Amino acid sequence: MLWPWTALWIPAVLLCRAAAQYSSDQCSWRGSGLSHESHSRDVEQVYLRCSQGSLEWLYPTGAIIINLRPNTEPSSGGAADLHVCIKPHTRSQGSRVYLEHEGDLKLLLGEKEQAQGATRCYSMTEGALFVEAVPHTDISRRITAFQYELVSSQGPGDLSYLNLHPGTATCQPCSDEELLMAACTSDFVGRGTIQSVETKPSPPTSGTNGRSHVAVVLSRLFKQKNRVFASGGARGRRWIGSVHVPTQCGVRAGGDDDYLFTGSIHFGEAWLGCAPRYKDFEKLYATAEEAGTNPCQIDTD
């Protein structure tokens, strides 16, 4: 959506003094609006070249344009399959976040959505992030802060983009090919049971239908990228943790069935991907192993 007052403001802004600021580590940026306090309409360029990082803008004045340039091979599909997800800190305030493409602005996050920690995703092809300071007489306590991650919308068995992006979550089971690939490439893979499910509705302005926190106990942990599951129980023979699932998927606790839990980790949170009954996965894996079509080896014994 192009706001009327913004349409008049943009041409003037682009004529103002622009400065380029480069991140020291190319992943995260920290800057201050006080550097151009006398030029409240300055637009600064920020360039980041990582798959994940953060931004912290103290005392925001004027605006900054954030250009994400992922280090990917030209033959890998480039930005066509990549999406950017940003998650603001709940203390973030003092600005609005837009997508800018050829002079047009589309509101991505207002101040209220930032305070709620609402995650928003967009395609790399949709443009750059345009972060505009909201005029205030007192900017001393205002800080804009958020994390960003690049995710693929076409990763086998990886539903992270669909789960993070408002209104696009899917609850369809994975295909056999997706399941085998998910067991090899997911951020976490384990065998266990569902202990409890807690559902929390999302705020009305978040654009999502809420998420369920699923408590999981694993009898086997094949791998994990971060410490999503912590060792517990006698002699550390089980692992305890929780994963997020869109509420509309209707996950329920109860029963003694073992599942293969796979998924991805974003912004420090685990999101469930493919999760078949373990006995079904064993049968599928054995068939693929006999045919020599397994993408990787897993000790299922």
C-alpha atoms as a PDB file:
ATOM      1  CA  MET A   1       0.000   0.000   0.000  1.00  0.00           C
ATOM      2  CA  LEU A   2       1.327   3.431  -0.912  1.00  0.00           C
ATOM      3  CA  TRP A   3       0.476   5.988   1.748  1.00  0.00           C
ATOM      4  CA  PRO A   4      -0.570   9.404   0.319  1.00  0.00           C
ATOM      5  CA  TRP A   5       1.797  11.430   2.458  1.00  0.00           C
ATOM      6  CA  THR A   6       4.635   9.047   1.671  1.00  0.00           C
ATOM      7  CA  ALA A   7       4.120   9.457  -2.060  1.00  0.00           C
ATOM      8  CA  LEU A   8       4.819  13.184  -1.686  1.00  0.00           C
ATOM      9  CA  TRP A   9       7.757  12.671   0.642  1.00  0.00           C
ATOM     10  CA  ILE A  10       9.751  10.134  -1.377  1.00  0.00           C
ATOM     11  CA  PRO A  11      10.929  12.339  -4.275  1.00  0.00           C
ATOM     12  CA  ALA A  12      12.192  14.954  -1.842  1.00  0.00           C
ATOM     13  CA  VAL A  13      14.015  12.380   0.219  1.00  0.00           C
ATOM     14  CA  LEU A  14      15.809  10.896  -2.737  1.00  0.00           C
ATOM     15  CA  LEU A  15      17.211  14.297  -3.557  1.00  0.00           C
ATOM     16  CA  CYS A  16      18.684  14.712  -0.083  1.00  0.00           C
ATOM     17  CA  ARG A  17      22.233  13.851   0.880  1.00  0.00           C
ATOM     18  CA  ALA A  18      22.710  10.077   0.866  1.00  0.00           C
ATOM     19  CA  ALA A  19      25.470   8.249   2.683  1.00  0.00           C
ATOM     20  CA  ALA A  20      26.546   4.623   2.431  1.00  0.00           C
ATOM     21  CA  GLN A  21      27.239   2.736   5.635  1.00  0.00           C
ATOM     22  CA  TYR A  22      28.824  -0.689   5.443  1.00  0.00           C
ATOM     23  CA  SER A  23      28.473  -3.264   8.188  1.00  0.00           C
ATOM     24  CA  SER A  24      31.778  -4.059   9.857  1.00  0.00           C
ATOM     25  CA  ASP A  25      31.056  -7.805   9.767  1.00  0.00           C
ATOM     26  CA  GLN A  26      28.723  -7.711   6.731  1.00  0.00           C
ATOM     27  CA  CYS A  27      26.036  -9.482   8.780  1.00  0.00           C
ATOM     28  CA  SER A  28      24.815  -6.931  11.304  1.00  0.00           C
ATOM     29  CA  TRP A  29      24.638  -3.158  11.478  1.00  0.00           C
ATOM     30  CA  ARG A  30      24.406  -0.706  14.336  1.00  0.00           C
ATOM     31  CA  GLY A  31      24.051   2.997  13.670  1.00  0.00           C
ATOM     32  CA  SER A  32      22.668   6.215  15.074  1.00  0.00           C
ATOM     33  CA  GLY A  33      20.369   8.862  13.675  1.00  0.00           C
ATOM     34  CA  LEU A  34      22.339  11.464  15.597  1.00  0.00           C
ATOM     35  CA  SER A  35      25.002  11.319  12.877  1.00  0.00           C
ATOM     36  CA  HIS A  36      22.714  13.374  10.661  1.00  0.00           C
ATOM     37  CA  GLU A  37      20.426  15.053  13.187  1.00  0.00           C
ATOM     38  CA  SER A  38      20.710  18.362  11.329  1.00  0.00           C
ATOM     39  CA  HIS A  39      19.671  16.605   8.118  1.00  0.00           C
ATOM     40  CA  SER A  40      16.483  14.908   9.231  1.00  0.00           C
ATOM     41  CA  ARG A  41      15.665  13.790   5.698  1.00  0.00           C
ATOM     42  CA  ASP A  42      18.929  12.015   4.991  1.00  0.00           C
ATOM     43  CA  VAL A  43      18.686   8.534   3.503  1.00  0.00           C
ATOM     44  CA  GLU A  44      21.530   6.186   4.320  1.00  0.00           C
ATOM     45  CA  GLN A  45      22.431   3.019   2.447  1.00  0.00           C
ATOM     46  CA  VAL A  46      23.301  -0.117   4.423  1.00  0.00           C
ATOM     47  CA  TYR A  47      24.703  -3.233   2.755  1.00  0.00           C
ATOM     48  CA  LEU A  48      24.560  -6.673   4.380  1.00  0.00           C
ATOM     49  CA  ARG A  49      25.872  -9.890   2.830  1.00  0.00           C
ATOM     50  CA  CYS A  50      24.908 -12.718   5.185  1.00  0.00           C
ATOM     51  CA  SER A  51      22.112 -15.238   5.440  1.00  0.00           C
ATOM     52  CA  GLN A  52      21.221 -13.930   8.899  1.00  0.00           C
ATOM     53  CA  GLY A  53      22.043 -11.016  11.152  1.00  0.00           C
ATOM     54  CA  SER A  54      20.565  -8.050  12.953  1.00  0.00           C
ATOM     55  CA  LEU A  55      20.070  -4.310  12.769  1.00  0.00           C
ATOM     56  CA  GLU A  56      19.981  -1.755  15.570  1.00  0.00           C
ATOM     57  CA  TRP A  57      19.238   1.872  14.764  1.00  0.00           C
ATOM     58  CA  LEU A  58      19.558   4.206  17.711  1.00  0.00           C
ATOM     59  CA  TYR A  59      17.663   7.511  17.853  1.00  0.00           C
ATOM     60  CA  PRO A  60      16.176   7.066  14.360  1.00  0.00           C
ATOM     61  CA  THR A  61      15.908  10.159  12.169  1.00  0.00           C
ATOM     62  CA  GLY A  62      15.499  10.315   8.396  1.00  0.00           C
ATOM     63  CA  ALA A  63      15.588   6.878   6.794  1.00  0.00           C
ATOM     64  CA  ILE A  64      17.864   3.984   5.903  1.00  0.00           C
ATOM     65  CA  ILE A  65      17.726   1.598   2.958  1.00  0.00           C
ATOM     66  CA  ILE A  66      18.901  -1.927   3.767  1.00  0.00           C
ATOM     67  CA  ASN A  67      20.317  -3.799   0.794  1.00  0.00           C
ATOM     68  CA  LEU A  68      20.679  -7.539   1.361  1.00  0.00           C
ATOM     69  CA  ARG A  69      23.157  -9.244  -0.932  1.00  0.00           C
ATOM     70  CA  PRO A  70      23.359 -12.955  -0.048  1.00  0.00           C
ATOM     71  CA  ASN A  71      26.531 -14.844  -0.887  1.00  0.00           C
ATOM     72  CA  THR A  72      24.988 -17.370  -3.273  1.00  0.00           C
ATOM     73  CA  GLU A  73      26.230 -18.838  -6.517  1.00  0.00           C
ATOM     74  CA  PRO A  74      24.628 -17.345  -9.654  1.00  0.00           C
ATOM     75  CA  SER A  75      23.642 -20.866 -10.748  1.00  0.00           C
ATOM     76  CA  SER A  76      21.840 -21.594  -7.476  1.00  0.00           C
ATOM     77  CA  GLY A  77      18.722 -19.731  -8.482  1.00  0.00           C
ATOM     78  CA  GLY A  78      19.798 -16.442  -6.928  1.00  0.00           C
ATOM     79  CA  ALA A  79      17.139 -14.349  -5.271  1.00  0.00           C
ATOM     80  CA  ALA A  80      14.219 -15.971  -7.095  1.00  0.00           C
ATOM     81  CA  ASP A  81      13.714 -18.668  -4.455  1.00  0.00           C
ATOM     82  CA  LEU A  82      14.928 -16.664  -1.471  1.00  0.00           C
ATOM     83  CA  HIS A  83      12.724 -14.879   1.019  1.00  0.00           C
ATOM     84  CA  VAL A  84      13.721 -12.571   3.823  1.00  0.00           C
ATOM     85  CA  CYS A  85      12.023 -12.889   7.196  1.00  0.00           C
ATOM     86  CA  ILE A  86      12.468 -10.141   9.777  1.00  0.00           C
ATOM     87  CA  LYS A  87      11.537 -10.353  13.431  1.00  0.00           C
ATOM     88  CA  PRO A  88      11.555  -7.071  15.393  1.00  0.00           C
ATOM     89  CA  HIS A  89      12.553  -6.868  19.015  1.00  0.00           C
ATOM     90  CA  THR A  90       9.576  -6.054  21.232  1.00  0.00           C
ATOM     91  CA  ARG A  91      11.354  -2.879  22.358  1.00  0.00           C
ATOM     92  CA  SER A  92      11.653  -1.726  18.740  1.00  0.00           C
ATOM     93  CA  GLN A  93      10.016   1.646  18.125  1.00  0.00           C
ATOM     94  CA  GLY A  94      10.497   4.953  16.387  1.00  0.00           C
ATOM     95  CA  SER A  95      10.158   3.807  12.782  1.00  0.00           C
ATOM     96  CA  ARG A  96       8.060   2.086  10.139  1.00  0.00           C
ATOM     97  CA  VAL A  97       9.473  -0.634   7.893  1.00  0.00           C
ATOM     98  CA  TYR A  98       8.548  -0.662   4.205  1.00  0.00           C
ATOM     99  CA  LEU A  99       9.459  -2.560   1.058  1.00  0.00           C
ATOM    100  CA  GLU A 100      10.817  -0.183  -1.559  1.00  0.00           C
ATOM    101  CA  HIS A 101      10.691  -1.064  -5.241  1.00  0.00           C
ATOM    102  CA  GLU A 102      11.196   1.485  -8.011  1.00  0.00           C
ATOM    103  CA  GLY A 103      10.069   4.338  -5.788  1.00  0.00           C
ATOM    104  CA  ASP A 104       6.937   2.642  -4.466  1.00  0.00           C
ATOM    105  CA  LEU A 105       6.586   1.802  -0.794  1.00  0.00           C
ATOM    106  CA  LYS A 106       4.624  -1.057   0.766  1.00  0.00           C
ATOM    107  CA  LEU A 107       4.182  -1.069   4.533  1.00  0.00           C
ATOM    108  CA  LEU A 108       5.667  -4.186   6.108  1.00  0.00           C
ATOM    109  CA  LEU A 109       5.785  -3.363   9.823  1.00  0.00           C
ATOM    110  CA  GLY A 110       4.262  -0.462  11.710  1.00  0.00           C
ATOM    111  CA  GLU A 111       5.245   0.497  15.246  1.00  0.00           C
ATOM    112  CA  LYS A 112       2.471  -1.619  16.814  1.00  0.00           C
ATOM    113  CA  GLU A 113       3.481  -4.748  14.892  1.00  0.00           C
ATOM    114  CA  GLN A 114       7.090  -4.244  15.946  1.00  0.00           C
ATOM    115  CA  ALA A 115       6.103  -4.004  19.610  1.00  0.00           C
ATOM    116  CA  GLN A 116       4.288  -7.347  19.227  1.00  0.00           C
ATOM    117  CA  GLY A 117       7.358  -9.006  17.721  1.00  0.00           C
ATOM    118  CA  ALA A 118       5.410  -9.888  14.573  1.00  0.00           C
ATOM    119  CA  THR A 119       7.478 -11.740  11.961  1.00  0.00           C
ATOM    120  CA  ARG A 120       7.148 -10.653   8.336  1.00  0.00           C
ATOM    121  CA  CYS A 121       8.573 -12.294   5.214  1.00  0.00           C
ATOM    122  CA  TYR A 122       8.960 -11.129   1.635  1.00  0.00           C
ATOM    123  CA  SER A 123      10.628 -12.255  -1.570  1.00  0.00           C
ATOM    124  CA  MET A 124      14.090 -10.917  -2.387  1.00  0.00           C
ATOM    125  CA  THR A 125      12.688  -9.851  -5.741  1.00  0.00           C
ATOM    126  CA  GLU A 126      10.198  -7.473  -4.087  1.00  0.00           C
ATOM    127  CA  GLY A 127      12.812  -4.848  -3.314  1.00  0.00           C
ATOM    128  CA  ALA A 128      14.891  -3.446  -0.471  1.00  0.00           C
ATOM    129  CA  LEU A 129      13.914  -2.631   3.096  1.00  0.00           C
ATOM    130  CA  PHE A 130      13.153   1.041   3.620  1.00  0.00           C
ATOM    131  CA  VAL A 131      13.153   1.954   7.308  1.00  0.00           C
ATOM    132  CA  GLU A 132      11.706   5.411   7.926  1.00  0.00           C
ATOM    133  CA  ALA A 133      11.893   7.223  11.239  1.00  0.00           C
ATOM    134  CA  VAL A 134       8.598   8.403  12.695  1.00  0.00           C
ATOM    135  CA  PRO A 135       8.917  12.083  13.660  1.00  0.00           C
ATOM    136  CA  HIS A 136       9.012  12.561  17.435  1.00  0.00           C
ATOM    137  CA  THR A 137       9.996  15.514  19.564  1.00  0.00           C
ATOM    138  CA  ASP A 138      11.945  13.190  21.869  1.00  0.00           C
ATOM    139  CA  ILE A 139      13.994  10.428  20.222  1.00  0.00           C
ATOM    140  CA  SER A 140      16.213   9.714  23.222  1.00  0.00           C
ATOM    141  CA  ARG A 141      14.539   6.406  24.083  1.00  0.00           C
ATOM    142  CA  ARG A 142      13.675   5.198  20.611  1.00  0.00           C
ATOM    143  CA  ILE A 143      15.533   2.279  19.067  1.00  0.00           C
ATOM    144  CA  THR A 144      14.631   0.263  15.981  1.00  0.00           C
ATOM    145  CA  ALA A 145      15.955  -3.289  16.304  1.00  0.00           C
ATOM    146  CA  PHE A 146      15.236  -6.505  14.449  1.00  0.00           C
ATOM    147  CA  GLN A 147      16.789  -9.760  13.284  1.00  0.00           C
ATOM    148  CA  TYR A 148      16.676 -11.018   9.721  1.00  0.00           C
ATOM    149  CA  GLU A 149      17.088 -14.426   8.091  1.00  0.00           C
ATOM    150  CA  LEU A 150      17.108 -15.606   4.501  1.00  0.00           C
ATOM    151  CA  VAL A 151      15.012 -18.727   3.910  1.00  0.00           C
ATOM    152  CA  SER A 152      14.230 -20.756   0.830  1.00  0.00           C
ATOM    153  CA  SER A 153      10.635 -21.201  -0.266  1.00  0.00           C
ATOM    154  CA  GLN A 154      11.418 -24.423  -2.095  1.00  0.00           C
ATOM    155  CA  GLY A 155      13.585 -26.465   0.271  1.00  0.00           C
ATOM    156  CA  PRO A 156      12.564 -30.161   0.357  1.00  0.00           C
ATOM    157  CA  GLY A 157      10.610 -30.813   3.529  1.00  0.00           C
ATOM    158  CA  ASP A 158      11.404 -27.335   4.844  1.00  0.00           C
ATOM    159  CA  LEU A 159       8.164 -25.556   5.715  1.00  0.00           C
ATOM    160  CA  SER A 160       9.875 -22.754   7.616  1.00  0.00           C
ATOM    161  CA  TYR A 161       9.012 -20.009   5.134  1.00  0.00           C
ATOM    162  CA  LEU A 162       5.399 -21.149   4.939  1.00  0.00           C
ATOM    163  CA  ASN A 163       5.156 -21.242   8.724  1.00  0.00           C
ATOM    164  CA  LEU A 164       6.776 -17.861   9.245  1.00  0.00           C
ATOM    165  CA  HIS A 165       4.916 -16.031   6.487  1.00  0.00           C
ATOM    166  CA  PRO A 166       1.428 -14.892   7.585  1.00  0.00           C
ATOM    167  CA  GLY A 167      -1.430 -16.814   6.026  1.00  0.00           C
ATOM    168  CA  THR A 168       0.681 -19.292   4.030  1.00  0.00           C
ATOM    169  CA  ALA A 169       1.176 -22.114   6.551  1.00  0.00           C
ATOM    170  CA  THR A 170       0.505 -25.567   5.168  1.00  0.00           C
ATOM    171  CA  CYS A 171      -0.501 -28.698   7.038  1.00  0.00           C
ATOM    172  CA  GLN A 172      -0.183 -31.161   4.166  1.00  0.00           C
ATOM    173  CA  PRO A 173       1.945 -34.245   4.882  1.00  0.00           C
ATOM    174  CA  CYS A 174       5.333 -34.481   3.200  1.00  0.00           C
ATOM    175  CA  SER A 175       5.858 -36.691   0.165  1.00  0.00           C
ATOM    176  CA  ASP A 176       8.211 -39.671   0.422  1.00  0.00           C
ATOM    177  CA  GLU A 177      10.973 -37.734  -1.347  1.00  0.00           C
ATOM    178  CA  GLU A 178      10.507 -34.692   0.900  1.00  0.00           C
ATOM    179  CA  LEU A 179      10.550 -36.858   3.993  1.00  0.00           C
ATOM    180  CA  LEU A 180      13.805 -38.625   3.096  1.00  0.00           C
ATOM    181  CA  MET A 181      15.449 -35.311   2.272  1.00  0.00           C
ATOM    182  CA  ALA A 182      14.137 -33.684   5.460  1.00  0.00           C
ATOM    183  CA  ALA A 183      15.712 -36.463   7.524  1.00  0.00           C
ATOM    184  CA  CYS A 184      19.068 -35.537   5.976  1.00  0.00           C
ATOM    185  CA  THR A 185      18.961 -31.745   5.771  1.00  0.00           C
ATOM    186  CA  SER A 186      16.793 -30.534   8.673  1.00  0.00           C
ATOM    187  CA  ASP A 187      18.230 -28.489  11.528  1.00  0.00           C
ATOM    188  CA  PHE A 188      16.993 -31.123  13.976  1.00  0.00           C
ATOM    189  CA  VAL A 189      15.996 -34.774  13.594  1.00  0.00           C
ATOM    190  CA  GLY A 190      14.805 -37.025  16.411  1.00  0.00           C
ATOM    191  CA  ARG A 191      12.504 -39.845  17.416  1.00  0.00           C
ATOM    192  CA  GLY A 192      10.014 -39.311  20.202  1.00  0.00           C
ATOM    193  CA  THR A 193       6.516 -38.606  21.449  1.00  0.00           C
ATOM    194  CA  ILE A 194       4.270 -35.572  21.945  1.00  0.00           C
ATOM    195  CA  GLN A 195       3.748 -34.789  25.617  1.00  0.00           C
ATOM    196  CA  SER A 196       1.548 -31.700  25.522  1.00  0.00           C
ATOM    197  CA  VAL A 197       0.241 -28.987  23.232  1.00  0.00           C
ATOM    198  CA  GLU A 198      -0.318 -25.369  24.260  1.00  0.00           C
ATOM    199  CA  THR A 199      -2.041 -23.010  21.846  1.00  0.00           C
ATOM    200  CA  LYS A 200      -1.653 -19.253  21.952  1.00  0.00           C
ATOM    201  CA  PRO A 201      -3.668 -17.010  19.612  1.00  0.00           C
ATOM    202  CA  SER A 202      -1.774 -14.327  17.746  1.00  0.00           C
ATOM    203  CA  PRO A 203      -2.622 -10.626  18.132  1.00  0.00           C
ATOM    204  CA  PRO A 204      -5.267  -9.441  15.624  1.00  0.00           C
ATOM    205  CA  THR A 205      -2.724  -7.307  13.759  1.00  0.00           C
ATOM    206  CA  SER A 206      -0.165 -10.086  13.341  1.00  0.00           C
ATOM    207  CA  GLY A 207      -1.789 -11.576  10.236  1.00  0.00           C
ATOM    208  CA  THR A 208      -1.404 -15.139  11.526  1.00  0.00           C
ATOM    209  CA  ASN A 209      -3.774 -17.684  13.044  1.00  0.00           C
ATOM    210  CA  GLY A 210      -1.572 -18.370  16.033  1.00  0.00           C
ATOM    211  CA  ARG A 211       0.890 -21.084  16.878  1.00  0.00           C
ATOM    212  CA  SER A 212       0.952 -24.171  19.041  1.00  0.00           C
ATOM    213  CA  HIS A 213       3.851 -24.955  21.358  1.00  0.00           C
ATOM    214  CA  VAL A 214       4.374 -28.703  21.220  1.00  0.00           C
ATOM    215  CA  ALA A 215       6.354 -30.268  24.084  1.00  0.00           C
ATOM    216  CA  VAL A 216       8.359 -33.221  22.816  1.00  0.00           C
ATOM    217  CA  VAL A 217      10.348 -35.978  24.537  1.00  0.00           C
ATOM    218  CA  LEU A 218      12.876 -37.807  22.347  1.00  0.00           C
ATOM    219  CA  SER A 219      14.224 -41.277  22.897  1.00  0.00           C
ATOM    220  CA  ARG A 220      16.787 -40.692  20.138  1.00  0.00           C
ATOM    221  CA  LEU A 221      18.361 -37.500  18.846  1.00  0.00           C
ATOM    222  CA  PHE A 222      19.977 -37.940  15.459  1.00  0.00           C
ATOM    223  CA  LYS A 223      21.150 -34.335  15.173  1.00  0.00           C
ATOM    224  CA  GLN A 224      20.383 -30.755  16.130  1.00  0.00           C
ATOM    225  CA  LYS A 225      21.812 -27.483  14.903  1.00  0.00           C
ATOM    226  CA  ASN A 226      21.288 -25.594  18.153  1.00  0.00           C
ATOM    227  CA  ARG A 227      20.380 -26.771  21.627  1.00  0.00           C
ATOM    228  CA  VAL A 228      16.677 -27.105  20.907  1.00  0.00           C
ATOM    229  CA  PHE A 229      16.516 -30.320  22.888  1.00  0.00           C
ATOM    230  CA  ALA A 230      18.257 -30.627  26.240  1.00  0.00           C
ATOM    231  CA  SER A 231      19.406 -33.904  27.758  1.00  0.00           C
ATOM    232  CA  GLY A 232      17.270 -35.102  30.652  1.00  0.00           C
ATOM    233  CA  GLY A 233      16.241 -38.196  32.529  1.00  0.00           C
ATOM    234  CA  ALA A 234      18.345 -41.054  33.808  1.00  0.00           C
ATOM    235  CA  ARG A 235      21.828 -41.155  32.259  1.00  0.00           C
ATOM    236  CA  GLY A 236      20.764 -38.593  29.665  1.00  0.00           C
ATOM    237  CA  ARG A 237      18.899 -41.169  27.627  1.00  0.00           C
ATOM    238  CA  ARG A 238      16.196 -38.781  26.571  1.00  0.00           C
ATOM    239  CA  TRP A 239      15.987 -35.223  25.293  1.00  0.00           C
ATOM    240  CA  ILE A 240      13.320 -32.657  26.105  1.00  0.00           C
ATOM    241  CA  GLY A 241      12.307 -29.638  24.054  1.00  0.00           C
ATOM    242  CA  SER A 242       9.483 -27.877  22.228  1.00  0.00           C
ATOM    243  CA  VAL A 243       8.645 -27.040  18.631  1.00  0.00           C
ATOM    244  CA  HIS A 244       6.225 -24.591  17.030  1.00  0.00           C
ATOM    245  CA  VAL A 245       3.377 -25.645  14.742  1.00  0.00           C
ATOM    246  CA  PRO A 246       0.702 -23.431  13.118  1.00  0.00           C
ATOM    247  CA  THR A 247      -2.499 -23.716  15.147  1.00  0.00           C
ATOM    248  CA  GLN A 248      -4.593 -24.630  12.105  1.00  0.00           C
ATOM    249  CA  CYS A 249      -2.643 -27.887  11.759  1.00  0.00           C
ATOM    250  CA  GLY A 250      -4.504 -29.211  14.817  1.00  0.00           C
ATOM    251  CA  VAL A 251      -1.642 -31.088  16.518  1.00  0.00           C
ATOM    252  CA  ARG A 252      -2.860 -32.931  19.616  1.00  0.00           C
ATOM    253  CA  ALA A 253      -1.161 -34.673  22.503  1.00  0.00           C
ATOM    254  CA  GLY A 254      -1.899 -38.179  23.644  1.00  0.00           C
ATOM    255  CA  GLY A 255      -1.190 -41.679  22.434  1.00  0.00           C
ATOM    256  CA  ASP A 256       1.985 -43.718  22.545  1.00  0.00           C
ATOM    257  CA  ASP A 257       2.982 -43.369  18.893  1.00  0.00           C
ATOM    258  CA  ASP A 258       6.583 -42.512  18.142  1.00  0.00           C
ATOM    259  CA  TYR A 259       7.199 -39.863  15.506  1.00  0.00           C
ATOM    260  CA  LEU A 260      10.177 -38.724  13.497  1.00  0.00           C
ATOM    261  CA  PHE A 261      10.449 -35.014  14.243  1.00  0.00           C
ATOM    262  CA  THR A 262      12.266 -32.879  11.677  1.00  0.00           C
ATOM    263  CA  GLY A 263      12.312 -29.144  11.209  1.00  0.00           C
ATOM    264  CA  SER A 264      14.207 -25.893  11.080  1.00  0.00           C
ATOM    265  CA  ILE A 265      15.349 -23.265  13.543  1.00  0.00           C
ATOM    266  CA  HIS A 266      14.615 -19.591  12.956  1.00  0.00           C
ATOM    267  CA  PHE A 267      15.212 -16.702  15.333  1.00  0.00           C
ATOM    268  CA  GLY A 268      16.132 -19.233  18.009  1.00  0.00           C
ATOM    269  CA  GLU A 269      12.811 -21.079  17.694  1.00  0.00           C
ATOM    270  CA  ALA A 270      12.233 -24.597  16.389  1.00  0.00           C
ATOM    271  CA  TRP A 271       9.553 -25.067  13.723  1.00  0.00           C
ATOM    272  CA  LEU A 272       8.229 -28.499  12.869  1.00  0.00           C
ATOM    273  CA  GLY A 273       8.639 -29.735   9.313  1.00  0.00           C
ATOM    274  CA  CYS A 274       7.948 -33.328   8.291  1.00  0.00           C
ATOM    275  CA  ALA A 275       6.753 -35.486  11.203  1.00  0.00           C
ATOM    276  CA  PRO A 276       5.583 -38.979  10.158  1.00  0.00           C
ATOM    277  CA  ARG A 277       4.990 -41.885  12.493  1.00  0.00           C
ATOM    278  CA  TYR A 278       8.377 -43.448  13.089  1.00  0.00           C
ATOM    279  CA  LYS A 279       7.302 -46.915  11.988  1.00  0.00           C
ATOM    280  CA  ASP A 280       6.206 -45.438   8.637  1.00  0.00           C
ATOM    281  CA  PHE A 281       9.546 -43.676   8.255  1.00  0.00           C
ATOM    282  CA  GLU A 282      11.434 -46.907   9.032  1.00  0.00           C
ATOM    283  CA  LYS A 283       9.533 -48.735   6.312  1.00  0.00           C
ATOM    284  CA  LEU A 284      10.131 -45.932   3.795  1.00  0.00           C
ATOM    285  CA  TYR A 285      13.807 -45.696   4.693  1.00  0.00           C
ATOM    286  CA  ALA A 286      14.341 -49.469   4.387  1.00  0.00           C
ATOM    287  CA  THR A 287      12.709 -49.481   0.940  1.00  0.00           C
ATOM    288  CA  ALA A 288      14.862 -46.558  -0.238  1.00  0.00           C
ATOM    289  CA  GLU A 289      17.999 -48.150   1.203  1.00  0.00           C
ATOM    290  CA  GLU A 290      17.332 -51.380  -0.658  1.00  0.00           C
ATOM    291  CA  ALA A 291      16.804 -49.433  -3.885  1.00  0.00           C
ATOM    292  CA  GLY A 292      19.903 -47.307  -3.259  1.00  0.00           C
ATOM    293  CA  THR A 293      17.946 -44.044  -3.411  1.00  0.00           C
ATOM    294  CA  ASN A 294      18.645 -42.746   0.088  1.00  0.00           C
ATOM    295  CA  PRO A 295      20.078 -39.217   0.018  1.00  0.00           C
ATOM    296  CA  CYS A 296      22.029 -40.001   3.224  1.00  0.00           C
ATOM    297  CA  GLN A 297      22.633 -42.735   5.770  1.00  0.00           C
ATOM    298  CA  ILE A 298      20.742 -42.791   9.075  1.00  0.00           C
ATOM    299  CA  ASP A 299      21.188 -45.330  11.857  1.00  0.00           C
ATOM    300  CA  THR A 300      17.563 -46.296  12.458  1.00  0.00           C
ATOM    301  CA  ASP A 301      18.377 -49.356  14.624  1.00  0.00           C
END
